[in-house]
Amino acid sequence: MMNKISKIVLNSAVAIGLMSSSSMFAGNPDRAGSAGSGQLLINPWARSTGWGGANQSNAHGLEAMYLNVAGLAFTKKTEVVFSRSNWLGGSKVNINAFGFTQHVGETGVLGLGIVALDAGDINITTVDQPEGGIGVYSPLFLNIGLSYAKAFSDNIYGGATLKIVNEQISNVSARGACLDAGIQYHTGKYDQFHIGISLKNVGPKMTYRGDGLSFEDNVSSGSQYNNTVSGYTATFEQRSANYELPSCLNMGASYDFLIGVSDSVKASEIDHRVSVAANFTSNSFTYDQYSLGVEYGFKKYLMVRAGYTYEKNITKADLRKTAFTGPSAGMTLQLPFGTEKNKTFALDYSYRFSNPFSGVHSIGARINL
């Protein structure tokens, strides 16, 4: 059964990449902002956001579900992660993310990820009552992803994610589904060179439906039950236009500089590591992005990282089309536990700079069993 799933995953990743790559690179800047479900482009995890998502080529474990699902295959047994972000400080928007991965079979891994965006309570207003005072509503943005990844050889890893997208307020909602797929290739004497390609948010158009799109209005004259009538009230339904999902293609590479490694010292036993990463993101509905990142690791106890994400006009405040200014930074403190010290508990933190607003703070906790 797992071998069949593995073939489906690999074939899907290759086929989708071939079919979509041409259209992905043909993005039109005039389409910027015309897609919906923009929360699909938000990375909710505290570790990978520290270096701007530049590490999609060597992302390992549950966080790879967002960057490149192929990295999910590196889960040794079980991983549980929780993360919380205060999105653009001052906006009163919070993002909570929870994920669980489990090793299955010889080389397969199953993953479940849930991301919920909480925009708080918003006053209900109408044409007659523009100041509100008639109650509040709470928007809900919920993404649920089910992933499978597998090691196809000692060097090649692949995976796919099916995501359910749900957006709603009290009387209007939109629901849909999309697919992510990714491949990672690792090589070198100590597997220190990494290449990754991932395709995200590929799916059919979505549309809003619900009672909130209906309204009552007076009709001066018309036909009702085959009789001509005048001066009555009727209910009309407005049709919502379809919108596309913000699909994107990522291509990146990274290299691990292992300081002090030798034939007498295993790569897993070194004290110091410096990793550099670069990634290119081709967006269908926003400017393309270029990310650079670096991470220093002391054994497996401490990791410090920084990144920079560039897009067109990001350095020009009057022309920039994003709140983010580019830089990001973060760190991880990881402690082993268990009788054989082969289990770990980690705390992750990252900060993304923005203007306006006061940036994005993300904090996460993870357990590897």
Protein backbone atom coordinates (compact mmCIF):
# COMPACT_ATOMS: atom_id res chain seq x y z
CA MET A 1 0.00 0.00 0.00
CA MET A 2 2.74 2.45 0.97
CA ASN A 3 4.68 1.65 -2.23
CA LYS A 4 1.63 2.65 -4.29
CA ILE A 5 1.27 5.86 -2.30
CA SER A 6 4.97 6.58 -2.79
CA LYS A 7 4.68 6.24 -6.57
CA ILE A 8 1.62 8.49 -6.62
CA VAL A 9 3.46 11.14 -4.56
CA LEU A 10 6.55 11.13 -6.77
CA ASN A 11 4.62 11.10 -10.05
CA SER A 12 2.31 13.88 -8.84
CA ALA A 13 5.23 16.08 -7.80
CA VAL A 14 6.97 15.68 -11.16
CA ALA A 15 3.82 16.00 -13.27
CA ILE A 16 2.51 19.09 -11.48
CA GLY A 17 5.92 20.74 -11.68
CA LEU A 18 6.18 20.12 -15.44
CA MET A 19 2.63 21.25 -16.19
CA SER A 20 2.73 24.36 -14.03
CA SER A 21 6.26 25.70 -14.25
CA SER A 22 5.69 27.60 -17.50
CA SER A 23 2.61 29.40 -16.21
CA MET A 24 4.24 30.07 -12.85
CA PHE A 25 7.11 31.96 -14.46
CA ALA A 26 4.73 33.86 -16.71
CA GLY A 27 3.27 35.83 -13.82
CA ASN A 28 1.93 39.27 -14.68
CA PRO A 29 2.69 42.05 -12.15
CA ASP A 30 -0.68 43.58 -13.07
CA ARG A 31 -2.36 40.58 -11.40
CA ALA A 32 -0.81 41.41 -8.03
CA GLY A 33 -3.41 41.32 -5.31
CA SER A 34 -6.10 39.68 -7.46
CA ALA A 35 -5.89 36.22 -5.84
CA GLY A 36 -7.73 35.19 -2.71
CA SER A 37 -6.85 33.07 0.34
CA GLY A 38 -3.68 35.08 0.93
CA GLN A 39 -3.21 33.36 4.29
CA LEU A 40 -1.85 30.37 2.34
CA LEU A 41 1.32 32.42 1.78
CA ILE A 42 1.88 33.00 5.50
CA ASN A 43 4.53 30.80 7.11
CA PRO A 44 3.23 30.19 10.66
CA TRP A 45 6.26 28.33 12.03
CA ALA A 46 8.82 30.00 14.29
CA ARG A 47 11.94 28.12 13.20
CA SER A 48 11.91 28.52 9.42
CA THR A 49 10.72 32.15 9.47
CA GLY A 50 13.93 33.09 11.28
CA TRP A 51 15.83 32.90 8.02
CA GLY A 52 13.07 34.08 5.76
CA GLY A 53 12.08 30.65 4.46
CA ALA A 54 15.33 30.46 2.49
CA ASN A 55 15.85 26.91 3.76
CA GLN A 56 13.15 25.15 1.75
CA SER A 57 15.86 22.95 0.18
CA ASN A 58 16.92 21.53 3.57
CA ALA A 59 13.81 22.02 5.71
CA HIS A 60 13.36 18.94 7.91
CA GLY A 61 10.46 17.69 9.99
CA LEU A 62 7.03 19.16 10.39
CA GLU A 63 7.87 22.72 9.35
CA ALA A 64 8.66 21.34 5.91
CA MET A 65 4.90 21.00 5.39
CA TYR A 66 4.87 24.72 4.59
CA LEU A 67 8.22 25.13 2.82
CA ASN A 68 8.83 21.83 1.01
CA VAL A 69 6.84 18.81 2.11
CA ALA A 70 9.63 16.46 0.96
CA GLY A 71 11.54 17.38 4.14
CA LEU A 72 8.81 15.73 6.18
CA ALA A 73 10.52 12.42 5.37
CA PHE A 74 13.30 13.25 7.84
CA THR A 75 11.01 12.69 10.84
CA LYS A 76 12.67 9.87 12.77
CA LYS A 77 9.64 8.75 14.76
CA THR A 78 7.15 11.30 16.11
CA GLU A 79 7.17 15.10 16.15
CA VAL A 80 4.68 17.49 17.71
CA VAL A 81 4.90 21.27 17.15
CA PHE A 82 2.88 24.27 18.32
CA SER A 83 3.51 27.84 17.20
CA ARG A 84 1.88 31.23 17.80
CA SER A 85 2.48 34.46 15.92
CA ASN A 86 1.17 37.96 16.59
CA TRP A 87 0.70 38.94 12.96
CA LEU A 88 1.94 42.47 12.23
CA GLY A 89 2.03 43.79 15.78
CA GLY A 90 -0.78 46.21 16.43
CA SER A 91 -3.18 44.60 13.97
CA LYS A 92 -4.67 42.41 16.73
CA VAL A 93 -4.39 39.36 14.48
CA ASN A 94 -2.95 36.12 15.87
CA ILE A 95 -1.98 32.93 14.07
CA ASN A 96 -1.97 29.58 15.87
CA ALA A 97 -0.46 26.49 14.25
CA PHE A 98 -0.33 22.89 15.40
CA GLY A 99 1.23 19.90 13.70
CA PHE A 100 1.83 16.21 14.23
CA THR A 101 3.99 13.82 12.22
CA GLN A 102 4.47 10.07 12.50
CA HIS A 103 6.94 7.74 10.82
CA VAL A 104 5.15 4.90 9.02
CA GLY A 105 6.55 1.91 7.19
CA GLU A 106 10.25 1.80 6.39
CA THR A 107 10.76 5.28 4.94
CA GLY A 108 7.36 7.00 4.93
CA VAL A 109 6.01 9.80 7.14
CA LEU A 110 2.46 11.03 7.61
CA GLY A 111 1.78 14.59 8.78
CA LEU A 112 -1.18 16.65 9.92
CA GLY A 113 -1.00 20.44 10.13
CA ILE A 114 -3.64 22.91 11.28
CA VAL A 115 -3.27 26.68 10.90
CA ALA A 116 -5.92 29.06 12.27
CA LEU A 117 -5.89 32.83 11.81
CA ASP A 118 -7.79 34.77 14.48
CA ALA A 119 -8.73 38.33 13.51
CA GLY A 120 -10.63 38.99 16.74
CA ASP A 121 -14.06 40.60 17.01
CA ILE A 122 -15.13 43.18 14.40
CA ASN A 123 -18.11 45.50 14.78
CA ILE A 124 -21.08 44.81 12.52
CA THR A 125 -22.00 47.91 10.51
CA THR A 126 -24.75 48.64 8.01
CA VAL A 127 -25.67 51.49 5.70
CA ASP A 128 -28.15 52.71 8.30
CA GLN A 129 -25.79 52.10 11.25
CA PRO A 130 -22.26 52.82 10.03
CA GLU A 131 -20.95 53.24 13.60
CA GLY A 132 -21.96 49.73 14.59
CA GLY A 133 -23.41 49.02 18.01
CA ILE A 134 -25.48 46.07 16.77
CA GLY A 135 -23.03 43.28 17.59
CA VAL A 136 -19.75 41.81 16.40
CA TYR A 137 -18.55 39.02 14.12
CA SER A 138 -15.34 36.95 14.17
CA PRO A 139 -13.73 35.98 10.85
CA LEU A 140 -12.26 32.47 10.73
CA PHE A 141 -9.44 31.39 8.42
CA LEU A 142 -8.62 27.72 8.87
CA ASN A 143 -6.25 25.57 6.79
CA ILE A 144 -5.92 21.83 7.40
CA GLY A 145 -3.17 19.89 5.64
CA LEU A 146 -2.64 16.14 5.37
CA SER A 147 0.82 15.19 4.09
CA TYR A 148 2.78 12.14 3.08
CA ALA A 149 6.51 12.10 2.35
CA LYS A 150 8.99 9.36 1.64
CA ALA A 151 12.69 8.73 1.10
CA PHE A 152 12.95 7.22 -2.38
CA SER A 153 16.69 6.65 -2.01
CA ASP A 154 19.56 7.82 0.17
CA ASN A 155 19.53 11.13 -1.72
CA ILE A 156 16.04 11.77 -3.06
CA TYR A 157 12.98 12.66 -0.98
CA GLY A 158 9.51 13.59 -2.14
CA GLY A 159 6.11 14.39 -0.72
CA ALA A 160 2.68 15.91 -1.25
CA THR A 161 0.11 17.75 0.87
CA LEU A 162 -3.63 18.03 0.43
CA LYS A 163 -4.92 21.22 2.05
CA ILE A 164 -8.49 22.06 2.94
CA VAL A 165 -9.10 25.84 2.96
CA ASN A 166 -11.94 27.36 4.95
CA GLU A 167 -12.82 31.05 5.26
CA GLN A 168 -15.98 32.30 6.92
CA ILE A 169 -17.85 34.90 8.90
CA SER A 170 -21.28 34.42 10.44
CA ASN A 171 -23.23 34.46 7.17
CA VAL A 172 -20.72 34.05 4.31
CA SER A 173 -18.12 31.33 3.73
CA ALA A 174 -15.79 29.90 1.11
CA ARG A 175 -14.33 26.39 1.08
CA GLY A 176 -11.86 24.74 -1.24
CA ALA A 177 -8.86 22.45 -1.56
CA CYS A 178 -5.39 22.67 -3.04
CA LEU A 179 -2.26 20.58 -3.42
CA ASP A 180 1.40 21.09 -2.51
CA ALA A 181 4.21 18.89 -3.81
CA GLY A 182 7.97 18.94 -3.35
CA ILE A 183 11.26 17.16 -3.98
CA GLN A 184 14.58 17.44 -2.15
CA TYR A 185 17.96 16.13 -3.25
CA HIS A 186 20.83 15.81 -0.77
CA THR A 187 24.39 14.91 -1.71
CA GLY A 188 28.00 15.25 -0.61
CA LYS A 189 30.23 13.17 1.64
CA TYR A 190 28.21 14.26 4.67
CA ASP A 191 24.99 15.13 2.82
CA GLN A 192 25.86 18.78 3.23
CA PHE A 193 24.63 20.01 -0.18
CA HIS A 194 20.87 20.34 -0.69
CA ILE A 195 18.60 21.21 -3.62
CA GLY A 196 14.84 21.61 -3.36
CA ILE A 197 11.87 22.35 -5.60
CA SER A 198 8.33 22.79 -4.34
CA LEU A 199 5.01 23.77 -5.86
CA LYS A 200 2.31 25.19 -3.60
CA ASN A 201 -1.37 26.08 -3.53
CA VAL A 202 -2.42 24.49 -6.81
CA GLY A 203 -6.17 24.01 -6.91
CA PRO A 204 -9.51 25.04 -8.40
CA LYS A 205 -11.05 28.48 -7.96
CA MET A 206 -13.04 29.29 -4.84
CA THR A 207 -16.12 31.45 -4.33
CA TYR A 208 -18.06 32.89 -1.39
CA ARG A 209 -21.59 31.72 -0.63
CA GLY A 210 -24.13 32.40 2.09
CA ASP A 211 -27.05 34.48 3.30
CA GLY A 212 -24.79 37.49 3.67
CA LEU A 213 -24.86 37.91 -0.11
CA SER A 214 -28.65 38.38 -0.08
CA PHE A 215 -30.49 41.66 0.43
CA GLU A 216 -34.04 42.95 0.44
CA ASP A 217 -35.22 45.80 -1.75
CA ASN A 218 -38.48 47.38 -2.89
CA VAL A 219 -39.85 46.54 -6.32
CA SER A 220 -42.08 49.14 -7.92
CA SER A 221 -43.81 46.64 -10.22
CA GLY A 222 -43.37 43.13 -11.49
CA SER A 223 -44.88 39.69 -11.84
CA GLN A 224 -45.56 37.39 -8.89
CA TYR A 225 -47.39 34.06 -9.16
CA ASN A 226 -48.43 35.00 -12.73
CA ASN A 227 -50.08 38.17 -11.47
CA THR A 228 -48.96 41.75 -12.03
CA VAL A 229 -48.22 43.42 -8.70
CA SER A 230 -46.66 46.68 -7.56
CA GLY A 231 -45.02 48.06 -4.48
CA TYR A 232 -43.69 44.86 -2.85
CA THR A 233 -40.45 43.82 -1.15
CA ALA A 234 -38.28 41.04 -2.65
CA THR A 235 -35.09 39.27 -1.65
CA PHE A 236 -32.21 39.36 -4.12
CA GLU A 237 -29.07 37.23 -4.13
CA GLN A 238 -25.76 38.66 -5.28
CA ARG A 239 -23.37 36.27 -6.97
CA SER A 240 -19.81 36.29 -5.75
CA ALA A 241 -17.07 36.14 -8.37
CA ASN A 242 -14.68 33.19 -8.36
CA TYR A 243 -11.12 33.80 -7.26
CA GLU A 244 -7.88 31.92 -7.80
CA LEU A 245 -5.52 30.61 -5.14
CA PRO A 246 -2.04 32.18 -4.71
CA SER A 247 0.01 29.40 -6.33
CA CYS A 248 3.79 29.66 -6.32
CA LEU A 249 6.91 27.74 -7.29
CA ASN A 250 10.03 27.56 -5.06
CA MET A 251 13.55 26.61 -6.12
CA GLY A 252 16.46 26.71 -3.71
CA ALA A 253 19.79 25.32 -2.58
CA SER A 254 21.80 25.27 0.63
CA TYR A 255 25.17 24.11 1.92
CA ASP A 256 26.31 23.06 5.39
CA PHE A 257 29.83 24.02 6.43
CA LEU A 258 30.84 21.45 9.04
CA ILE A 259 33.64 22.92 11.15
CA GLY A 260 36.07 20.37 12.57
CA VAL A 261 34.73 17.33 10.75
CA SER A 262 37.26 14.62 9.84
CA ASP A 263 37.48 10.90 9.18
CA SER A 264 37.74 10.32 12.92
CA VAL A 265 34.77 12.56 13.77
CA LYS A 266 31.26 11.82 12.53
CA ALA A 267 29.26 14.64 11.05
CA SER A 268 26.62 14.14 13.75
CA GLU A 269 29.25 14.73 16.45
CA ILE A 270 30.66 18.07 15.30
CA ASP A 271 30.43 21.09 17.59
CA HIS A 272 29.96 23.85 15.03
CA ARG A 273 27.95 24.13 11.82
CA VAL A 274 27.26 27.07 9.52
CA SER A 275 24.56 26.66 6.88
CA VAL A 276 23.88 29.08 4.04
CA ALA A 277 20.71 28.94 1.92
CA ALA A 278 19.13 30.70 -1.02
CA ASN A 279 15.65 30.42 -2.49
CA PHE A 280 13.71 31.87 -5.41
CA THR A 281 9.92 32.08 -5.27
CA SER A 282 7.92 32.64 -8.44
CA ASN A 283 4.52 33.98 -7.39
CA SER A 284 1.51 33.97 -9.70
CA PHE A 285 -0.15 37.01 -8.14
CA THR A 286 2.61 38.97 -6.37
CA TYR A 287 6.16 40.01 -7.09
CA ASP A 288 8.76 37.24 -7.28
CA GLN A 289 10.93 36.93 -4.18
CA TYR A 290 14.59 36.13 -3.51
CA SER A 291 15.60 34.89 -0.06
CA LEU A 292 19.02 34.46 1.54
CA GLY A 293 19.60 32.92 4.94
CA VAL A 294 22.35 31.73 7.26
CA GLU A 295 22.23 29.60 10.39
CA TYR A 296 24.87 28.79 13.00
CA GLY A 297 24.43 25.65 15.07
CA PHE A 298 26.30 24.62 18.21
CA LYS A 299 25.95 20.85 18.34
CA LYS A 300 22.19 20.26 18.49
CA TYR A 301 21.63 22.54 21.47
CA LEU A 302 21.64 26.06 20.05
CA MET A 303 20.85 27.47 16.61
CA VAL A 304 20.92 31.14 15.62
CA ARG A 305 19.73 32.28 12.22
CA ALA A 306 19.05 35.35 10.08
CA GLY A 307 17.59 35.99 6.65
CA TYR A 308 16.65 38.58 4.09
CA THR A 309 13.81 38.41 1.55
CA TYR A 310 13.89 40.75 -1.43
CA GLU A 311 11.17 41.65 -3.90
CA LYS A 312 10.77 44.52 -6.34
CA ASN A 313 10.72 47.97 -4.68
CA ILE A 314 11.02 46.53 -1.16
CA THR A 315 13.62 49.16 -0.27
CA LYS A 316 11.37 52.04 -1.42
CA ALA A 317 8.76 52.91 1.18
CA ASP A 318 6.55 54.79 -1.29
CA LEU A 319 6.52 51.93 -3.83
CA ARG A 320 6.75 48.84 -1.61
CA LYS A 321 3.68 46.58 -1.90
CA THR A 322 4.30 44.58 1.26
CA ALA A 323 4.45 45.50 4.93
CA PHE A 324 7.67 43.51 5.32
CA THR A 325 10.99 45.27 4.84
CA GLY A 326 13.10 42.13 4.26
CA PRO A 327 15.16 41.19 7.34
CA SER A 328 14.29 38.38 9.75
CA ALA A 329 16.08 36.64 12.61
CA GLY A 330 15.54 33.88 15.13
CA MET A 331 16.99 31.23 17.38
CA THR A 332 16.33 27.75 18.77
CA LEU A 333 17.20 26.25 22.14
CA GLN A 334 17.03 22.46 22.05
CA LEU A 335 17.50 20.05 24.92
CA PRO A 336 17.78 16.25 24.77
CA PHE A 337 15.94 14.01 27.20
CA GLY A 338 15.17 10.34 27.73
CA THR A 339 17.37 7.51 28.94
CA GLU A 340 19.41 7.52 25.72
CA LYS A 341 19.15 11.29 25.15
CA ASN A 342 17.69 10.60 21.71
CA LYS A 343 14.54 12.66 22.27
CA THR A 344 14.48 16.45 22.19
CA PHE A 345 12.43 19.38 23.40
CA ALA A 346 12.96 22.72 21.66
CA LEU A 347 11.83 26.32 21.90
CA ASP A 348 11.86 28.39 18.68
CA TYR A 349 11.61 32.14 18.23
CA SER A 350 11.67 34.43 15.21
CA TYR A 351 11.05 38.07 14.36
CA ARG A 352 10.17 39.50 10.94
CA PHE A 353 10.68 43.23 10.43
CA SER A 354 7.86 45.33 8.97
CA ASN A 355 6.90 48.93 8.29
CA PRO A 356 4.18 49.88 9.05
CA PHE A 357 3.17 47.80 12.09
CA SER A 358 5.69 46.52 14.61
CA GLY A 359 6.80 43.29 12.97
CA VAL A 360 5.84 39.67 13.57
CA HIS A 361 6.88 37.76 16.68
CA SER A 362 6.61 33.97 16.46
CA ILE A 363 7.28 31.50 19.24
CA GLY A 364 7.01 27.74 19.04
CA ALA A 365 7.57 24.58 21.03
CA ARG A 366 8.41 21.16 19.60
CA ILE A 367 8.93 17.65 20.86
CA ASN A 368 10.76 14.97 18.91
CA LEU A 369 10.27 11.45 20.22
